[in-house]
Amino acid sequence: MNYKVVIDAGHGGNDPGAVGNGIMEKDYTLLISKYIKNRLDELGIESVLVRDTDETVSPIERVNRVLNAFGNNRNVIVLSNHLNAGGPAFLGCD
């Protein structure tokens, strides 16, 4: 079965996602997504990015871009990249 991959870099544009210490989630999700796309290209696996710049994408537009990439079928894998922000409980410290 030939799989195709849609890579969604979470957040973007006016939605920075988690922010702390000068780091914005949207920047890292885009870097990670571009890395994954480049690696899949090297492996000969067809893939598409939902966004490849720092742009605002509404939830409806995000879904439309996913569906428009390769359609809605069982050979499509969708990766949605996010980085969770955590507090003391997340770090194992109470």
PDB file of N, CA and C in Angstrom:
ATOM      1  N   MET A   1       0.857  -1.181   0.000  1.00  0.00           N
ATOM      2  CA  MET A   1       0.000   0.000   0.000  1.00  0.00           C
ATOM      3  C   MET A   1       0.900   1.239   0.000  1.00  0.00           C
ATOM      4  N   ASN A   2       0.680   2.155  -0.912  1.00  0.00           N
ATOM      5  CA  ASN A   2       1.435   3.403  -0.979  1.00  0.00           C
ATOM      6  C   ASN A   2       0.794   4.447  -0.087  1.00  0.00           C
ATOM      7  N   TYR A   3       1.480   4.761   0.983  1.00  0.00           N
ATOM      8  CA  TYR A   3       0.973   5.770   1.894  1.00  0.00           C
ATOM      9  C   TYR A   3       1.412   7.159   1.450  1.00  0.00           C
ATOM     10  N   LYS A   4       0.572   8.136   1.741  1.00  0.00           N
ATOM     11  CA  LYS A   4       0.876   9.539   1.519  1.00  0.00           C
ATOM     12  C   LYS A   4       0.704  10.235   2.862  1.00  0.00           C
ATOM     13  N   VAL A   5       1.485  11.282   3.092  1.00  0.00           N
ATOM     14  CA  VAL A   5       1.507  11.911   4.408  1.00  0.00           C
ATOM     15  C   VAL A   5       1.206  13.403   4.288  1.00  0.00           C
ATOM     16  N   VAL A   6       0.284  13.876   5.123  1.00  0.00           N
ATOM     17  CA  VAL A   6       0.001  15.302   5.256  1.00  0.00           C
ATOM     18  C   VAL A   6       0.563  15.726   6.607  1.00  0.00           C
ATOM     19  N   ILE A   7       1.418  16.746   6.587  1.00  0.00           N
ATOM     20  CA  ILE A   7       2.103  17.186   7.796  1.00  0.00           C
ATOM     21  C   ILE A   7       1.574  18.555   8.199  1.00  0.00           C
ATOM     22  N   ASP A   8       0.991  18.611   9.377  1.00  0.00           N
ATOM     23  CA  ASP A   8       0.394  19.842   9.888  1.00  0.00           C
ATOM     24  C   ASP A   8       1.283  20.438  10.965  1.00  0.00           C
ATOM     25  N   ALA A   9       1.872  21.589  10.663  1.00  0.00           N
ATOM     26  CA  ALA A   9       2.641  22.328  11.661  1.00  0.00           C
ATOM     27  C   ALA A   9       1.644  23.113  12.505  1.00  0.00           C
ATOM     28  N   GLY A  10       1.421  22.678  13.712  1.00  0.00           N
ATOM     29  CA  GLY A  10       0.417  23.294  14.572  1.00  0.00           C
ATOM     30  C   GLY A  10       0.633  24.790  14.789  1.00  0.00           C
ATOM     31  N   HIS A  11      -0.477  25.470  15.030  1.00  0.00           N
ATOM     32  CA  HIS A  11      -0.503  26.910  15.309  1.00  0.00           C
ATOM     33  C   HIS A  11      -0.022  27.699  14.088  1.00  0.00           C
ATOM     34  N   GLY A  12       0.540  28.874  14.267  1.00  0.00           N
ATOM     35  CA  GLY A  12       1.027  29.692  13.162  1.00  0.00           C
ATOM     36  C   GLY A  12       0.358  31.045  13.106  1.00  0.00           C
ATOM     37  N   GLY A  13       1.040  32.014  12.501  1.00  0.00           N
ATOM     38  CA  GLY A  13       0.499  33.357  12.347  1.00  0.00           C
ATOM     39  C   GLY A  13       0.186  33.990  13.688  1.00  0.00           C
ATOM     40  N   ASN A  14      -1.080  34.401  13.851  1.00  0.00           N
ATOM     41  CA  ASN A  14      -1.460  35.078  15.102  1.00  0.00           C
ATOM     42  C   ASN A  14      -1.740  34.100  16.251  1.00  0.00           C
ATOM     43  N   ASP A  15      -1.527  32.811  16.039  1.00  0.00           N
ATOM     44  CA  ASP A  15      -1.688  31.792  17.083  1.00  0.00           C
ATOM     45  C   ASP A  15      -0.315  31.191  17.381  1.00  0.00           C
ATOM     46  N   PRO A  16       0.369  31.713  18.411  1.00  0.00           N
ATOM     47  CA  PRO A  16       1.728  31.239  18.676  1.00  0.00           C
ATOM     48  C   PRO A  16       1.798  29.886  19.369  1.00  0.00           C
ATOM     49  N   GLY A  17       0.686  29.411  19.930  1.00  0.00           N
ATOM     50  CA  GLY A  17       0.738  28.196  20.733  1.00  0.00           C
ATOM     51  C   GLY A  17       1.397  28.505  22.061  1.00  0.00           C
ATOM     52  N   ALA A  18       2.067  27.523  22.630  1.00  0.00           N
ATOM     53  CA  ALA A  18       2.754  27.717  23.911  1.00  0.00           C
ATOM     54  C   ALA A  18       3.921  28.687  23.723  1.00  0.00           C
ATOM     55  N   VAL A  19       4.082  29.597  24.693  1.00  0.00           N
ATOM     56  CA  VAL A  19       5.148  30.601  24.635  1.00  0.00           C
ATOM     57  C   VAL A  19       5.855  30.642  25.983  1.00  0.00           C
ATOM     58  N   GLY A  20       7.174  30.679  25.954  1.00  0.00           N
ATOM     59  CA  GLY A  20       7.933  30.803  27.192  1.00  0.00           C
ATOM     60  C   GLY A  20       9.405  30.971  26.896  1.00  0.00           C
ATOM     61  N   ASN A  21      10.050  31.829  27.665  1.00  0.00           N
ATOM     62  CA  ASN A  21      11.489  32.055  27.516  1.00  0.00           C
ATOM     63  C   ASN A  21      11.872  32.451  26.092  1.00  0.00           C
ATOM     64  N   GLY A  22      11.005  33.210  25.437  1.00  0.00           N
ATOM     65  CA  GLY A  22      11.290  33.667  24.081  1.00  0.00           C
ATOM     66  C   GLY A  22      11.081  32.611  23.011  1.00  0.00           C
ATOM     67  N   ILE A  23      10.543  31.470  23.390  1.00  0.00           N
ATOM     68  CA  ILE A  23      10.303  30.378  22.447  1.00  0.00           C
ATOM     69  C   ILE A  23       8.811  30.311  22.144  1.00  0.00           C
ATOM     70  N   MET A  24       8.483  30.207  20.852  1.00  0.00           N
ATOM     71  CA  MET A  24       7.082  30.069  20.446  1.00  0.00           C
ATOM     72  C   MET A  24       6.880  28.710  19.783  1.00  0.00           C
ATOM     73  N   GLU A  25       5.852  28.019  20.220  1.00  0.00           N
ATOM     74  CA  GLU A  25       5.546  26.694  19.705  1.00  0.00           C
ATOM     75  C   GLU A  25       5.415  26.698  18.184  1.00  0.00           C
ATOM     76  N   LYS A  26       4.754  27.708  17.632  1.00  0.00           N
ATOM     77  CA  LYS A  26       4.505  27.745  16.186  1.00  0.00           C
ATOM     78  C   LYS A  26       5.794  27.673  15.378  1.00  0.00           C
ATOM     79  N   ASP A  27       6.880  28.269  15.889  1.00  0.00           N
ATOM     80  CA  ASP A  27       8.153  28.252  15.169  1.00  0.00           C
ATOM     81  C   ASP A  27       8.749  26.850  15.128  1.00  0.00           C
ATOM     82  N   TYR A  28       8.676  26.164  16.249  1.00  0.00           N
ATOM     83  CA  TYR A  28       9.267  24.832  16.324  1.00  0.00           C
ATOM     84  C   TYR A  28       8.424  23.787  15.604  1.00  0.00           C
ATOM     85  N   THR A  29       7.104  23.923  15.652  1.00  0.00           N
ATOM     86  CA  THR A  29       6.281  22.964  14.907  1.00  0.00           C
ATOM     87  C   THR A  29       6.541  23.090  13.409  1.00  0.00           C
ATOM     88  N   LEU A  30       6.805  24.313  12.940  1.00  0.00           N
ATOM     89  CA  LEU A  30       7.113  24.506  11.523  1.00  0.00           C
ATOM     90  C   LEU A  30       8.478  23.908  11.176  1.00  0.00           C
ATOM     91  N   LEU A  31       9.477  24.140  12.014  1.00  0.00           N
ATOM     92  CA  LEU A  31      10.801  23.546  11.775  1.00  0.00           C
ATOM     93  C   LEU A  31      10.739  22.018  11.762  1.00  0.00           C
ATOM     94  N   ILE A  32      10.038  21.456  12.725  1.00  0.00           N
ATOM     95  CA  ILE A  32       9.897  19.999  12.816  1.00  0.00           C
ATOM     96  C   ILE A  32       9.168  19.457  11.598  1.00  0.00           C
ATOM     97  N   SER A  33       8.104  20.133  11.194  1.00  0.00           N
ATOM     98  CA  SER A  33       7.311  19.684  10.046  1.00  0.00           C
ATOM     99  C   SER A  33       8.125  19.731   8.756  1.00  0.00           C
ATOM    100  N   LYS A  34       8.913  20.794   8.578  1.00  0.00           N
ATOM    101  CA  LYS A  34       9.760  20.887   7.385  1.00  0.00           C
ATOM    102  C   LYS A  34      10.832  19.795   7.386  1.00  0.00           C
ATOM    103  N   TYR A  35      11.375  19.482   8.557  1.00  0.00           N
ATOM    104  CA  TYR A  35      12.357  18.402   8.659  1.00  0.00           C
ATOM    105  C   TYR A  35      11.721  17.068   8.245  1.00  0.00           C
ATOM    106  N   ILE A  36      10.534  16.793   8.774  1.00  0.00           N
ATOM    107  CA  ILE A  36       9.834  15.550   8.438  1.00  0.00           C
ATOM    108  C   ILE A  36       9.570  15.492   6.940  1.00  0.00           C
ATOM    109  N   LYS A  37       9.110  16.586   6.367  1.00  0.00           N
ATOM    110  CA  LYS A  37       8.824  16.640   4.919  1.00  0.00           C
ATOM    111  C   LYS A  37      10.089  16.341   4.120  1.00  0.00           C
ATOM    112  N   ASN A  38      11.205  16.967   4.459  1.00  0.00           N
ATOM    113  CA  ASN A  38      12.459  16.720   3.743  1.00  0.00           C
ATOM    114  C   ASN A  38      12.892  15.258   3.850  1.00  0.00           C
ATOM    115  N   ARG A  39      12.732  14.698   5.028  1.00  0.00           N
ATOM    116  CA  ARG A  39      13.125  13.293   5.233  1.00  0.00           C
ATOM    117  C   ARG A  39      12.231  12.354   4.429  1.00  0.00           C
ATOM    118  N   LEU A  40      10.927  12.612   4.420  1.00  0.00           N
ATOM    119  CA  LEU A  40      10.019  11.781   3.630  1.00  0.00           C
ATOM    120  C   LEU A  40      10.339  11.897   2.144  1.00  0.00           C
ATOM    121  N   ASP A  41      10.674  13.105   1.685  1.00  0.00           N
ATOM    122  CA  ASP A  41      11.079  13.292   0.287  1.00  0.00           C
ATOM    123  C   ASP A  41      12.300  12.433  -0.036  1.00  0.00           C
ATOM    124  N   GLU A  42      13.282  12.420   0.868  1.00  0.00           N
ATOM    125  CA  GLU A  42      14.483  11.603   0.668  1.00  0.00           C
ATOM    126  C   GLU A  42      14.144  10.116   0.555  1.00  0.00           C
ATOM    127  N   LEU A  43      13.124   9.697   1.278  1.00  0.00           N
ATOM    128  CA  LEU A  43      12.712   8.291   1.268  1.00  0.00           C
ATOM    129  C   LEU A  43      11.753   7.959   0.128  1.00  0.00           C
ATOM    130  N   GLY A  44      11.376   8.973  -0.650  1.00  0.00           N
ATOM    131  CA  GLY A  44      10.464   8.760  -1.770  1.00  0.00           C
ATOM    132  C   GLY A  44       9.007   8.620  -1.362  1.00  0.00           C
ATOM    133  N   ILE A  45       8.671   9.148  -0.195  1.00  0.00           N
ATOM    134  CA  ILE A  45       7.290   9.083   0.296  1.00  0.00           C
ATOM    135  C   ILE A  45       6.619  10.418  -0.001  1.00  0.00           C
ATOM    136  N   GLU A  46       5.529  10.371  -0.730  1.00  0.00           N
ATOM    137  CA  GLU A  46       4.821  11.594  -1.113  1.00  0.00           C
ATOM    138  C   GLU A  46       4.229  12.264   0.125  1.00  0.00           C
ATOM    139  N   SER A  47       4.497  13.557   0.268  1.00  0.00           N
ATOM    140  CA  SER A  47       4.007  14.277   1.442  1.00  0.00           C
ATOM    141  C   SER A  47       3.743  15.736   1.091  1.00  0.00           C
ATOM    142  N   VAL A  48       2.919  16.375   1.927  1.00  0.00           N
ATOM    143  CA  VAL A  48       2.528  17.767   1.743  1.00  0.00           C
ATOM    144  C   VAL A  48       2.499  18.432   3.116  1.00  0.00           C
ATOM    145  N   LEU A  49       2.903  19.697   3.159  1.00  0.00           N
ATOM    146  CA  LEU A  49       2.781  20.498   4.376  1.00  0.00           C
ATOM    147  C   LEU A  49       1.464  21.262   4.357  1.00  0.00           C
ATOM    148  N   VAL A  50       0.779  21.318   5.483  1.00  0.00           N
ATOM    149  CA  VAL A  50      -0.431  22.134   5.589  1.00  0.00           C
ATOM    150  C   VAL A  50      -0.055  23.611   5.499  1.00  0.00           C
ATOM    151  N   ARG A  51       1.030  23.986   6.152  1.00  0.00           N
ATOM    152  CA  ARG A  51       1.564  25.349   6.022  1.00  0.00           C
ATOM    153  C   ARG A  51       3.076  25.263   5.977  1.00  0.00           C
ATOM    154  N   ASP A  52       3.687  26.112   5.130  1.00  0.00           N
ATOM    155  CA  ASP A  52       5.147  26.119   5.058  1.00  0.00           C
ATOM    156  C   ASP A  52       5.732  27.485   5.384  1.00  0.00           C
ATOM    157  N   THR A  53       4.880  28.373   5.884  1.00  0.00           N
ATOM    158  CA  THR A  53       5.305  29.683   6.361  1.00  0.00           C
ATOM    159  C   THR A  53       4.579  29.974   7.665  1.00  0.00           C
ATOM    160  N   ASP A  54       4.915  31.082   8.291  1.00  0.00           N
ATOM    161  CA  ASP A  54       4.251  31.492   9.524  1.00  0.00           C
ATOM    162  C   ASP A  54       2.961  32.213   9.164  1.00  0.00           C
ATOM    163  N   GLU A  55       1.923  31.450   8.921  1.00  0.00           N
ATOM    164  CA  GLU A  55       0.635  32.024   8.545  1.00  0.00           C
ATOM    165  C   GLU A  55      -0.464  31.517   9.460  1.00  0.00           C
ATOM    166  N   THR A  56      -1.510  32.320   9.604  1.00  0.00           N
ATOM    167  CA  THR A  56      -2.672  31.919  10.376  1.00  0.00           C
ATOM    168  C   THR A  56      -3.535  30.998   9.516  1.00  0.00           C
ATOM    169  N   VAL A  57      -3.871  29.852  10.052  1.00  0.00           N
ATOM    170  CA  VAL A  57      -4.734  28.901   9.353  1.00  0.00           C
ATOM    171  C   VAL A  57      -5.884  28.559  10.297  1.00  0.00           C
ATOM    172  N   SER A  58      -7.101  28.894   9.906  1.00  0.00           N
ATOM    173  CA  SER A  58      -8.263  28.604  10.747  1.00  0.00           C
ATOM    174  C   SER A  58      -8.468  27.089  10.827  1.00  0.00           C
ATOM    175  N   PRO A  59      -9.165  26.619  11.848  1.00  0.00           N
ATOM    176  CA  PRO A  59      -9.414  25.178  11.954  1.00  0.00           C
ATOM    177  C   PRO A  59     -10.100  24.599  10.711  1.00  0.00           C
ATOM    178  N   ILE A  60     -11.062  25.324  10.158  1.00  0.00           N
ATOM    179  CA  ILE A  60     -11.760  24.821   8.963  1.00  0.00           C
ATOM    180  C   ILE A  60     -10.811  24.775   7.769  1.00  0.00           C
ATOM    181  N   GLU A  61     -10.004  25.824   7.593  1.00  0.00           N
ATOM    182  CA  GLU A  61      -9.043  25.843   6.491  1.00  0.00           C
ATOM    183  C   GLU A  61      -8.003  24.736   6.663  1.00  0.00           C
ATOM    184  N   ARG A  62      -7.608  24.471   7.891  1.00  0.00           N
ATOM    185  CA  ARG A  62      -6.623  23.408   8.170  1.00  0.00           C
ATOM    186  C   ARG A  62      -7.179  22.063   7.708  1.00  0.00           C
ATOM    187  N   VAL A  63      -8.423  21.779   8.061  1.00  0.00           N
ATOM    188  CA  VAL A  63      -9.058  20.524   7.643  1.00  0.00           C
ATOM    189  C   VAL A  63      -9.191  20.478   6.121  1.00  0.00           C
ATOM    190  N   ASN A  64      -9.580  21.589   5.506  1.00  0.00           N
ATOM    191  CA  ASN A  64      -9.711  21.630   4.049  1.00  0.00           C
ATOM    192  C   ASN A  64      -8.379  21.359   3.364  1.00  0.00           C
ATOM    193  N   ARG A  65      -7.303  21.911   3.893  1.00  0.00           N
ATOM    194  CA  ARG A  65      -5.984  21.675   3.299  1.00  0.00           C
ATOM    195  C   ARG A  65      -5.576  20.211   3.435  1.00  0.00           C
ATOM    196  N   VAL A  66      -5.897  19.617   4.566  1.00  0.00           N
ATOM    197  CA  VAL A  66      -5.607  18.193   4.749  1.00  0.00           C
ATOM    198  C   VAL A  66      -6.375  17.375   3.714  1.00  0.00           C
ATOM    199  N   LEU A  67      -7.660  17.631   3.590  1.00  0.00           N
ATOM    200  CA  LEU A  67      -8.493  16.862   2.662  1.00  0.00           C
ATOM    201  C   LEU A  67      -8.132  17.133   1.206  1.00  0.00           C
ATOM    202  N   ASN A  68      -7.752  18.366   0.883  1.00  0.00           N
ATOM    203  CA  ASN A  68      -7.410  18.704  -0.501  1.00  0.00           C
ATOM    204  C   ASN A  68      -6.065  18.125  -0.933  1.00  0.00           C
ATOM    205  N   ALA A  69      -5.227  17.791   0.019  1.00  0.00           N
ATOM    206  CA  ALA A  69      -3.895  17.282  -0.317  1.00  0.00           C
ATOM    207  C   ALA A  69      -3.982  15.961  -1.094  1.00  0.00           C
ATOM    208  N   PHE A  70      -4.650  14.975  -0.520  1.00  0.00           N
ATOM    209  CA  PHE A  70      -4.735  13.651  -1.144  1.00  0.00           C
ATOM    210  C   PHE A  70      -6.124  13.036  -1.039  1.00  0.00           C
ATOM    211  N   GLY A  71      -7.089  13.821  -0.600  1.00  0.00           N
ATOM    212  CA  GLY A  71      -8.433  13.278  -0.428  1.00  0.00           C
ATOM    213  C   GLY A  71      -8.573  12.547   0.896  1.00  0.00           C
ATOM    214  N   ASN A  72      -9.733  12.009   1.094  1.00  0.00           N
ATOM    215  CA  ASN A  72     -10.055  11.295   2.332  1.00  0.00           C
ATOM    216  C   ASN A  72     -10.043   9.808   2.041  1.00  0.00           C
ATOM    217  N   ASN A  73      -8.876   9.193   2.179  1.00  0.00           N
ATOM    218  CA  ASN A  73      -8.829   7.750   1.978  1.00  0.00           C
ATOM    219  C   ASN A  73      -7.870   7.099   2.955  1.00  0.00           C
ATOM    220  N   ARG A  74      -7.920   5.793   2.986  1.00  0.00           N
ATOM    221  CA  ARG A  74      -7.187   5.033   3.999  1.00  0.00           C
ATOM    222  C   ARG A  74      -5.681   5.025   3.790  1.00  0.00           C
ATOM    223  N   ASN A  75      -5.185   5.514   2.668  1.00  0.00           N
ATOM    224  CA  ASN A  75      -3.742   5.545   2.412  1.00  0.00           C
ATOM    225  C   ASN A  75      -3.093   6.842   2.865  1.00  0.00           C
ATOM    226  N   VAL A  76      -3.861   7.719   3.486  1.00  0.00           N
ATOM    227  CA  VAL A  76      -3.343   9.020   3.899  1.00  0.00           C
ATOM    228  C   VAL A  76      -3.104   9.022   5.406  1.00  0.00           C
ATOM    229  N   ILE A  77      -1.894   9.418   5.782  1.00  0.00           N
ATOM    230  CA  ILE A  77      -1.529   9.582   7.189  1.00  0.00           C
ATOM    231  C   ILE A  77      -1.420  11.076   7.452  1.00  0.00           C
ATOM    232  N   VAL A  78      -2.043  11.552   8.526  1.00  0.00           N
ATOM    233  CA  VAL A  78      -1.968  12.966   8.899  1.00  0.00           C
ATOM    234  C   VAL A  78      -1.190  13.091  10.195  1.00  0.00           C
ATOM    235  N   LEU A  79      -0.105  13.866  10.148  1.00  0.00           N
ATOM    236  CA  LEU A  79       0.693  14.149  11.344  1.00  0.00           C
ATOM    237  C   LEU A  79       0.412  15.586  11.755  1.00  0.00           C
ATOM    238  N   SER A  80      -0.019  15.800  12.973  1.00  0.00           N
ATOM    239  CA  SER A  80      -0.238  17.147  13.486  1.00  0.00           C
ATOM    240  C   SER A  80       0.766  17.387  14.596  1.00  0.00           C
ATOM    241  N   ASN A  81       1.721  18.271  14.322  1.00  0.00           N
ATOM    242  CA  ASN A  81       2.815  18.514  15.260  1.00  0.00           C
ATOM    243  C   ASN A  81       2.474  19.611  16.257  1.00  0.00           C
ATOM    244  N   HIS A  82       2.651  19.287  17.538  1.00  0.00           N
ATOM    245  CA  HIS A  82       2.439  20.223  18.637  1.00  0.00           C
ATOM    246  C   HIS A  82       3.496  19.940  19.700  1.00  0.00           C
ATOM    247  N   LEU A  83       3.810  20.941  20.466  1.00  0.00           N
ATOM    248  CA  LEU A  83       4.730  20.793  21.591  1.00  0.00           C
ATOM    249  C   LEU A  83       3.976  21.193  22.848  1.00  0.00           C
ATOM    250  N   ASN A  84       3.856  20.287  23.779  1.00  0.00           N
ATOM    251  CA  ASN A  84       3.089  20.577  24.986  1.00  0.00           C
ATOM    252  C   ASN A  84       3.915  21.389  25.978  1.00  0.00           C
ATOM    253  N   ALA A  85       3.268  22.335  26.596  1.00  0.00           N
ATOM    254  CA  ALA A  85       3.894  23.097  27.681  1.00  0.00           C
ATOM    255  C   ALA A  85       3.515  22.394  28.980  1.00  0.00           C
ATOM    256  N   GLY A  86       4.453  22.291  29.872  1.00  0.00           N
ATOM    257  CA  GLY A  86       4.171  21.589  31.111  1.00  0.00           C
ATOM    258  C   GLY A  86       4.678  22.371  32.310  1.00  0.00           C
ATOM    259  N   GLY A  87       4.071  22.107  33.419  1.00  0.00           N
ATOM    260  CA  GLY A  87       4.484  22.720  34.678  1.00  0.00           C
ATOM    261  C   GLY A  87       5.180  21.689  35.534  1.00  0.00           C
ATOM    262  N   PRO A  88       5.244  21.931  36.835  1.00  0.00           N
ATOM    263  CA  PRO A  88       5.944  21.020  37.737  1.00  0.00           C
ATOM    264  C   PRO A  88       5.450  19.578  37.689  1.00  0.00           C
ATOM    265  N   ALA A  89       4.141  19.373  37.572  1.00  0.00           N
ATOM    266  CA  ALA A  89       3.623  17.993  37.522  1.00  0.00           C
ATOM    267  C   ALA A  89       4.124  17.294  36.272  1.00  0.00           C
ATOM    268  N   PHE A  90       4.217  18.035  35.183  1.00  0.00           N
ATOM    269  CA  PHE A  90       4.706  17.466  33.933  1.00  0.00           C
ATOM    270  C   PHE A  90       6.160  17.022  34.073  1.00  0.00           C
ATOM    271  N   LEU A  91       6.927  17.782  34.798  1.00  0.00           N
ATOM    272  CA  LEU A  91       8.353  17.487  34.961  1.00  0.00           C
ATOM    273  C   LEU A  91       8.603  16.443  36.040  1.00  0.00           C
ATOM    274  N   GLY A  92       7.553  15.952  36.644  1.00  0.00           N
ATOM    275  CA  GLY A  92       7.704  14.962  37.690  1.00  0.00           C
ATOM    276  C   GLY A  92       8.009  15.562  39.048  1.00  0.00           C
ATOM    277  N   CYS A  93       7.826  16.865  39.192  1.00  0.00           N
ATOM    278  CA  CYS A  93       8.081  17.549  40.466  1.00  0.00           C
ATOM    279  C   CYS A  93       6.762  18.075  41.007  1.00  0.00           C
ATOM    280  N   ASP A  94       6.473  17.815  42.217  1.00  0.00           N
ATOM    281  CA  ASP A  94       5.218  18.322  42.790  1.00  0.00           C
ATOM    282  C   ASP A  94       5.462  19.438  43.775  1.00  0.00           C
TER     283      ASP A  94
END
